[in-house]
């Protein structure tokens, strides 16, 4: 259920994110591109429905992804650049928001804001650039599962093996698409080599 992208373009974009000289605007732009690449892979088997449209030769029927069945939920703040890109790609989709932060002493996630739409029968796509311990993402999945979605997909930029193992054990029915699996977590539960705090780097905060 864990799919890692293997592509020279993806590797190049990830390494630009690692570069401390990459500014906030460029950082967000790269996250936009990676989010789309992840979505292309994650939705490759999505059901299509026929729609009648007006073409240059008149009325015709073609197949499309049913955007109304997609719900994108970023984990704030770091997931914001991902949803900006994907809702531009699927403008008829719904959006929700979960704000979670890590307690620096216990390393446990704390939910402090929730604004999510109805998810029953929908394909819910969670957006979280970094999977370190897996705690925040696992808690987000637990929360969304209570809303009876058709399925849950997770799109992630980088992650540590330890956190991905947590997701795999706790949520074997969730498909996770990730651009790069890094080496490990350090003693402070940060991803190594990682790229720093994605939220801070995307928005020039500390």
C-alpha atoms as a PDB file:
ATOM      1  CA  UNK A   1       0.000   0.000   0.000  1.00  0.00           C
ATOM      2  CA  UNK A   2       3.051   2.279   0.000  1.00  0.00           C
ATOM      3  CA  UNK A   3       4.089   3.482  -3.452  1.00  0.00           C
ATOM      4  CA  UNK A   4       7.312   5.449  -3.863  1.00  0.00           C
ATOM      5  CA  UNK A   5       7.785   7.415  -7.066  1.00  0.00           C
ATOM      6  CA  UNK A   6      10.936   6.533  -8.970  1.00  0.00           C
ATOM      7  CA  UNK A   7      11.655   9.218 -11.495  1.00  0.00           C
ATOM      8  CA  UNK A   8      14.656  11.473 -12.193  1.00  0.00           C
ATOM      9  CA  UNK A   9      12.381  14.521 -12.299  1.00  0.00           C
ATOM     10  CA  UNK A  10      11.000  13.692  -8.852  1.00  0.00           C
ATOM     11  CA  UNK A  11      14.487  13.136  -7.427  1.00  0.00           C
ATOM     12  CA  UNK A  12      15.647  16.464  -8.831  1.00  0.00           C
ATOM     13  CA  UNK A  13      12.671  18.333  -7.349  1.00  0.00           C
ATOM     14  CA  UNK A  14      13.188  16.710  -3.943  1.00  0.00           C
ATOM     15  CA  UNK A  15      16.843  17.708  -3.924  1.00  0.00           C
ATOM     16  CA  UNK A  16      15.909  21.296  -4.737  1.00  0.00           C
ATOM     17  CA  UNK A  17      13.701  21.202  -1.636  1.00  0.00           C
ATOM     18  CA  UNK A  18      16.673  20.011   0.419  1.00  0.00           C
ATOM     19  CA  UNK A  19      18.741  22.990  -0.724  1.00  0.00           C
ATOM     20  CA  UNK A  20      18.681  25.603   2.045  1.00  0.00           C
ATOM     21  CA  UNK A  21      19.048  28.331  -0.602  1.00  0.00           C
ATOM     22  CA  UNK A  22      15.669  27.468  -2.154  1.00  0.00           C
ATOM     23  CA  UNK A  23      13.413  30.391  -1.215  1.00  0.00           C
ATOM     24  CA  UNK A  24       9.799  30.152  -0.016  1.00  0.00           C
ATOM     25  CA  UNK A  25       8.202  30.892  -3.384  1.00  0.00           C
ATOM     26  CA  UNK A  26      10.281  28.280  -5.198  1.00  0.00           C
ATOM     27  CA  UNK A  27       9.724  25.845  -2.328  1.00  0.00           C
ATOM     28  CA  UNK A  28       5.946  26.141  -2.731  1.00  0.00           C
ATOM     29  CA  UNK A  29       6.196  25.836  -6.506  1.00  0.00           C
ATOM     30  CA  UNK A  30       8.109  22.583  -6.186  1.00  0.00           C
ATOM     31  CA  UNK A  31       5.548  21.227  -3.716  1.00  0.00           C
ATOM     32  CA  UNK A  32       2.845  22.142  -6.271  1.00  0.00           C
ATOM     33  CA  UNK A  33       4.585  20.102  -8.951  1.00  0.00           C
ATOM     34  CA  UNK A  34       5.211  17.116  -6.692  1.00  0.00           C
ATOM     35  CA  UNK A  35       1.579  17.124  -5.541  1.00  0.00           C
ATOM     36  CA  UNK A  36       0.435  16.870  -9.139  1.00  0.00           C
ATOM     37  CA  UNK A  37       2.890  14.093  -9.942  1.00  0.00           C
ATOM     38  CA  UNK A  38       1.657  12.187  -6.902  1.00  0.00           C
ATOM     39  CA  UNK A  39      -1.979  12.731  -7.890  1.00  0.00           C
ATOM     40  CA  UNK A  40      -1.364  11.468 -11.425  1.00  0.00           C
ATOM     41  CA  UNK A  41      -0.070   8.211  -9.974  1.00  0.00           C
ATOM     42  CA  UNK A  42      -2.628   7.887  -7.179  1.00  0.00           C
ATOM     43  CA  UNK A  43      -5.648   8.430  -9.433  1.00  0.00           C
ATOM     44  CA  UNK A  44      -4.512   6.356 -12.399  1.00  0.00           C
ATOM     45  CA  UNK A  45      -7.179   3.704 -11.664  1.00  0.00           C
ATOM     46  CA  UNK A  46      -9.942   6.122 -10.651  1.00  0.00           C
ATOM     47  CA  UNK A  47     -13.344   5.391 -12.183  1.00  0.00           C
ATOM     48  CA  UNK A  48     -14.372   7.529 -15.131  1.00  0.00           C
ATOM     49  CA  UNK A  49     -17.862   8.668 -16.059  1.00  0.00           C
ATOM     50  CA  UNK A  50     -19.242   9.748 -19.404  1.00  0.00           C
ATOM     51  CA  UNK A  51     -20.246  13.349 -19.871  1.00  0.00           C
ATOM     52  CA  UNK A  52     -21.773  15.099 -22.843  1.00  0.00           C
ATOM     53  CA  UNK A  53     -19.804  18.146 -23.934  1.00  0.00           C
ATOM     54  CA  UNK A  54     -19.837  20.569 -26.829  1.00  0.00           C
ATOM     55  CA  UNK A  55     -16.739  20.183 -28.991  1.00  0.00           C
ATOM     56  CA  UNK A  56     -15.671  22.136 -32.058  1.00  0.00           C
ATOM     57  CA  UNK A  57     -17.569  19.547 -34.115  1.00  0.00           C
ATOM     58  CA  UNK A  58     -20.683  19.593 -31.956  1.00  0.00           C
ATOM     59  CA  UNK A  59     -22.026  17.463 -29.106  1.00  0.00           C
ATOM     60  CA  UNK A  60     -19.999  14.403 -28.073  1.00  0.00           C
ATOM     61  CA  UNK A  61     -19.561  12.097 -25.083  1.00  0.00           C
ATOM     62  CA  UNK A  62     -16.205  11.655 -23.305  1.00  0.00           C
ATOM     63  CA  UNK A  63     -15.039  10.187 -20.003  1.00  0.00           C
ATOM     64  CA  UNK A  64     -13.854  12.227 -17.025  1.00  0.00           C
ATOM     65  CA  UNK A  65     -12.891  11.720 -13.407  1.00  0.00           C
ATOM     66  CA  UNK A  66     -15.915  12.639 -11.281  1.00  0.00           C
ATOM     67  CA  UNK A  67     -14.357  15.574  -9.445  1.00  0.00           C
ATOM     68  CA  UNK A  68     -17.363  15.960  -7.124  1.00  0.00           C
ATOM     69  CA  UNK A  69     -16.411  12.633  -5.526  1.00  0.00           C
ATOM     70  CA  UNK A  70     -12.937  13.883  -4.534  1.00  0.00           C
ATOM     71  CA  UNK A  71     -12.237  15.520  -1.165  1.00  0.00           C
ATOM     72  CA  UNK A  72      -8.787  16.997  -0.573  1.00  0.00           C
ATOM     73  CA  UNK A  73      -7.795  17.467   3.072  1.00  0.00           C
ATOM     74  CA  UNK A  74      -4.390  18.993   3.850  1.00  0.00           C
ATOM     75  CA  UNK A  75      -2.836  18.758   7.284  1.00  0.00           C
ATOM     76  CA  UNK A  76      -2.011  22.372   8.127  1.00  0.00           C
ATOM     77  CA  UNK A  77       0.235  24.240   7.600  1.00  0.00           C
ATOM     78  CA  UNK A  78       2.571  22.255   5.455  1.00  0.00           C
ATOM     79  CA  UNK A  79      -0.166  20.711   3.316  1.00  0.00           C
ATOM     80  CA  UNK A  80      -1.436  24.060   2.018  1.00  0.00           C
ATOM     81  CA  UNK A  81       0.808  24.235  -1.085  1.00  0.00           C
ATOM     82  CA  UNK A  82      -0.399  20.759  -2.053  1.00  0.00           C
ATOM     83  CA  UNK A  83      -4.090  21.657  -1.967  1.00  0.00           C
ATOM     84  CA  UNK A  84      -3.478  24.865  -3.919  1.00  0.00           C
ATOM     85  CA  UNK A  85      -2.111  22.781  -6.772  1.00  0.00           C
ATOM     86  CA  UNK A  86      -4.676  19.976  -6.679  1.00  0.00           C
ATOM     87  CA  UNK A  87      -7.805  22.095  -6.410  1.00  0.00           C
ATOM     88  CA  UNK A  88      -6.563  23.996  -9.455  1.00  0.00           C
ATOM     89  CA  UNK A  89      -6.325  20.639 -11.223  1.00  0.00           C
ATOM     90  CA  UNK A  90      -9.770  19.525  -9.948  1.00  0.00           C
ATOM     91  CA  UNK A  91     -11.805  22.715  -9.386  1.00  0.00           C
ATOM     92  CA  UNK A  92     -15.087  20.856  -8.766  1.00  0.00           C
ATOM     93  CA  UNK A  93     -13.631  18.851  -5.866  1.00  0.00           C
ATOM     94  CA  UNK A  94     -14.351  19.603  -2.199  1.00  0.00           C
ATOM     95  CA  UNK A  95     -11.796  20.730   0.362  1.00  0.00           C
ATOM     96  CA  UNK A  96     -11.394  20.262   4.088  1.00  0.00           C
ATOM     97  CA  UNK A  97      -8.755  21.247   6.605  1.00  0.00           C
ATOM     98  CA  UNK A  98      -7.190  19.573   9.634  1.00  0.00           C
ATOM     99  CA  UNK A  99      -4.682  21.451  11.764  1.00  0.00           C
ATOM    100  CA  UNK A 100      -2.401  19.242  13.807  1.00  0.00           C
ATOM    101  CA  UNK A 101       0.833  19.962  15.607  1.00  0.00           C
ATOM    102  CA  UNK A 102       3.377  17.823  17.358  1.00  0.00           C
ATOM    103  CA  UNK A 103       3.971  18.084  21.084  1.00  0.00           C
ATOM    104  CA  UNK A 104       7.739  18.513  21.196  1.00  0.00           C
ATOM    105  CA  UNK A 105       7.998  16.662  24.526  1.00  0.00           C
ATOM    106  CA  UNK A 106       5.790  13.640  23.831  1.00  0.00           C
ATOM    107  CA  UNK A 107       6.119  13.717  20.011  1.00  0.00           C
ATOM    108  CA  UNK A 108       2.356  13.039  19.888  1.00  0.00           C
ATOM    109  CA  UNK A 109       0.057  14.921  17.502  1.00  0.00           C
ATOM    110  CA  UNK A 110      -2.615  17.310  18.753  1.00  0.00           C
ATOM    111  CA  UNK A 111      -5.668  18.253  16.652  1.00  0.00           C
ATOM    112  CA  UNK A 112      -6.568  21.911  17.182  1.00  0.00           C
ATOM    113  CA  UNK A 113      -8.689  22.798  14.130  1.00  0.00           C
ATOM    114  CA  UNK A 114     -11.149  20.835  12.005  1.00  0.00           C
ATOM    115  CA  UNK A 115     -13.178  22.003   9.032  1.00  0.00           C
ATOM    116  CA  UNK A 116     -13.975  19.000   6.874  1.00  0.00           C
ATOM    117  CA  UNK A 117     -16.969  18.435   4.554  1.00  0.00           C
ATOM    118  CA  UNK A 118     -19.153  15.305   4.403  1.00  0.00           C
ATOM    119  CA  UNK A 119     -17.007  12.410   3.195  1.00  0.00           C
ATOM    120  CA  UNK A 120     -19.484   9.533   2.960  1.00  0.00           C
ATOM    121  CA  UNK A 121     -18.929   7.586  -0.245  1.00  0.00           C
ATOM    122  CA  UNK A 122     -16.158   9.967  -1.364  1.00  0.00           C
ATOM    123  CA  UNK A 123     -12.506   9.452  -2.214  1.00  0.00           C
ATOM    124  CA  UNK A 124     -10.672  11.374   0.505  1.00  0.00           C
ATOM    125  CA  UNK A 125      -7.123  12.419  -0.311  1.00  0.00           C
ATOM    126  CA  UNK A 126      -5.008  13.471   2.660  1.00  0.00           C
ATOM    127  CA  UNK A 127      -2.141  15.848   1.948  1.00  0.00           C
ATOM    128  CA  UNK A 128       0.848  15.884   4.277  1.00  0.00           C
ATOM    129  CA  UNK A 129       4.293  16.662   2.854  1.00  0.00           C
ATOM    130  CA  UNK A 130       6.261  14.968   5.635  1.00  0.00           C
ATOM    131  CA  UNK A 131       5.682  11.648   7.415  1.00  0.00           C
ATOM    132  CA  UNK A 132       8.060  11.512  10.379  1.00  0.00           C
ATOM    133  CA  UNK A 133       6.676   9.423  13.259  1.00  0.00           C
ATOM    134  CA  UNK A 134       3.406   8.865  11.378  1.00  0.00           C
ATOM    135  CA  UNK A 135       1.407  10.083  14.367  1.00  0.00           C
ATOM    136  CA  UNK A 136      -0.307  13.081  12.760  1.00  0.00           C
ATOM    137  CA  UNK A 137      -1.155  11.229   9.575  1.00  0.00           C
ATOM    138  CA  UNK A 138      -2.418   8.180  11.467  1.00  0.00           C
ATOM    139  CA  UNK A 139      -4.644  10.360  13.652  1.00  0.00           C
ATOM    140  CA  UNK A 140      -5.959  12.143  10.561  1.00  0.00           C
ATOM    141  CA  UNK A 141      -6.816   8.789   8.970  1.00  0.00           C
ATOM    142  CA  UNK A 142      -8.587   7.684  12.170  1.00  0.00           C
ATOM    143  CA  UNK A 143     -10.631  10.874  12.067  1.00  0.00           C
ATOM    144  CA  UNK A 144     -11.587  10.591   8.392  1.00  0.00           C
ATOM    145  CA  UNK A 145     -12.483   6.901   8.695  1.00  0.00           C
ATOM    146  CA  UNK A 146     -15.325   7.882  11.046  1.00  0.00           C
ATOM    147  CA  UNK A 147     -16.868   9.850   8.172  1.00  0.00           C
ATOM    148  CA  UNK A 148     -17.425   6.693   6.049  1.00  0.00           C
ATOM    149  CA  UNK A 149     -15.451   7.546   2.891  1.00  0.00           C
ATOM    150  CA  UNK A 150     -15.320   5.159  -0.048  1.00  0.00           C
ATOM    151  CA  UNK A 151     -11.552   5.124   0.280  1.00  0.00           C
ATOM    152  CA  UNK A 152      -8.657   7.127   1.691  1.00  0.00           C
ATOM    153  CA  UNK A 153      -5.473   7.993  -0.186  1.00  0.00           C
ATOM    154  CA  UNK A 154      -2.458   9.744   1.318  1.00  0.00           C
ATOM    155  CA  UNK A 155      -0.121  11.925  -0.759  1.00  0.00           C
ATOM    156  CA  UNK A 156       3.250  12.693   0.821  1.00  0.00           C
ATOM    157  CA  UNK A 157       6.506  14.263  -0.319  1.00  0.00           C
ATOM    158  CA  UNK A 158       9.054  12.617   1.991  1.00  0.00           C
ATOM    159  CA  UNK A 159       8.892  10.216   4.917  1.00  0.00           C
ATOM    160  CA  UNK A 160      10.921   8.111   7.288  1.00  0.00           C
ATOM    161  CA  UNK A 161      10.661   4.307   7.270  1.00  0.00           C
ATOM    162  CA  UNK A 162       9.592   4.347  10.935  1.00  0.00           C
ATOM    163  CA  UNK A 163       6.579   6.548  10.263  1.00  0.00           C
ATOM    164  CA  UNK A 164       5.574   4.675   7.130  1.00  0.00           C
ATOM    165  CA  UNK A 165       5.672   1.411   9.075  1.00  0.00           C
ATOM    166  CA  UNK A 166       3.228   2.905  11.587  1.00  0.00           C
ATOM    167  CA  UNK A 167       0.792   3.811   8.805  1.00  0.00           C
ATOM    168  CA  UNK A 168       1.151   0.411   7.161  1.00  0.00           C
ATOM    169  CA  UNK A 169       0.396  -1.415  10.416  1.00  0.00           C
ATOM    170  CA  UNK A 170      -2.462   0.778  11.622  1.00  0.00           C
ATOM    171  CA  UNK A 171      -4.099   1.456   8.267  1.00  0.00           C
ATOM    172  CA  UNK A 172      -3.422  -1.379   5.814  1.00  0.00           C
ATOM    173  CA  UNK A 173      -6.365  -0.340   3.615  1.00  0.00           C
ATOM    174  CA  UNK A 174      -4.983   3.138   2.923  1.00  0.00           C
ATOM    175  CA  UNK A 175      -2.862   3.622  -0.184  1.00  0.00           C
ATOM    176  CA  UNK A 176       0.041   5.993   0.401  1.00  0.00           C
ATOM    177  CA  UNK A 177       1.927   7.640  -2.464  1.00  0.00           C
ATOM    178  CA  UNK A 178       5.220   9.264  -1.587  1.00  0.00           C
ATOM    179  CA  UNK A 179       7.858  11.024  -3.658  1.00  0.00           C
ATOM    180  CA  UNK A 180      10.861   9.918  -1.574  1.00  0.00           C
ATOM    181  CA  UNK A 181      11.478   7.615   1.397  1.00  0.00           C
ATOM    182  CA  UNK A 182      14.394   9.003   3.386  1.00  0.00           C
ATOM    183  CA  UNK A 183      16.897   7.202   5.586  1.00  0.00           C
ATOM    184  CA  UNK A 184      15.601   7.398   9.172  1.00  0.00           C
ATOM    185  CA  UNK A 185      14.430   9.487  12.122  1.00  0.00           C
ATOM    186  CA  UNK A 186      16.984  11.010  14.470  1.00  0.00           C
ATOM    187  CA  UNK A 187      16.743  11.083  18.273  1.00  0.00           C
ATOM    188  CA  UNK A 188      14.502  14.174  18.078  1.00  0.00           C
ATOM    189  CA  UNK A 189      12.155  12.445  15.637  1.00  0.00           C
ATOM    190  CA  UNK A 190      13.175  14.546  12.633  1.00  0.00           C
ATOM    191  CA  UNK A 191      13.562  13.010   9.187  1.00  0.00           C
ATOM    192  CA  UNK A 192      17.157  12.427   8.065  1.00  0.00           C
ATOM    193  CA  UNK A 193      18.333  13.772   5.646  1.00  0.00           C
ATOM    194  CA  UNK A 194      14.970  15.541   5.377  1.00  0.00           C
ATOM    195  CA  UNK A 195      14.500  19.111   4.248  1.00  0.00           C
ATOM    196  CA  UNK A 196      13.736  21.077   7.417  1.00  0.00           C
ATOM    197  CA  UNK A 197      10.281  22.167   8.548  1.00  0.00           C
ATOM    198  CA  UNK A 198       8.137  22.225   5.383  1.00  0.00           C
ATOM    199  CA  UNK A 199       5.605  24.681   6.800  1.00  0.00           C
ATOM    200  CA  UNK A 200       8.246  27.134   7.943  1.00  0.00           C
ATOM    201  CA  UNK A 201      10.162  26.933   4.692  1.00  0.00           C
ATOM    202  CA  UNK A 202       7.045  27.336   2.556  1.00  0.00           C
ATOM    203  CA  UNK A 203       5.878  30.474   4.374  1.00  0.00           C
ATOM    204  CA  UNK A 204       9.032  31.986   5.871  1.00  0.00           C
ATOM    205  CA  UNK A 205       7.968  31.378   9.465  1.00  0.00           C
ATOM    206  CA  UNK A 206       9.853  29.950  12.416  1.00  0.00           C
END
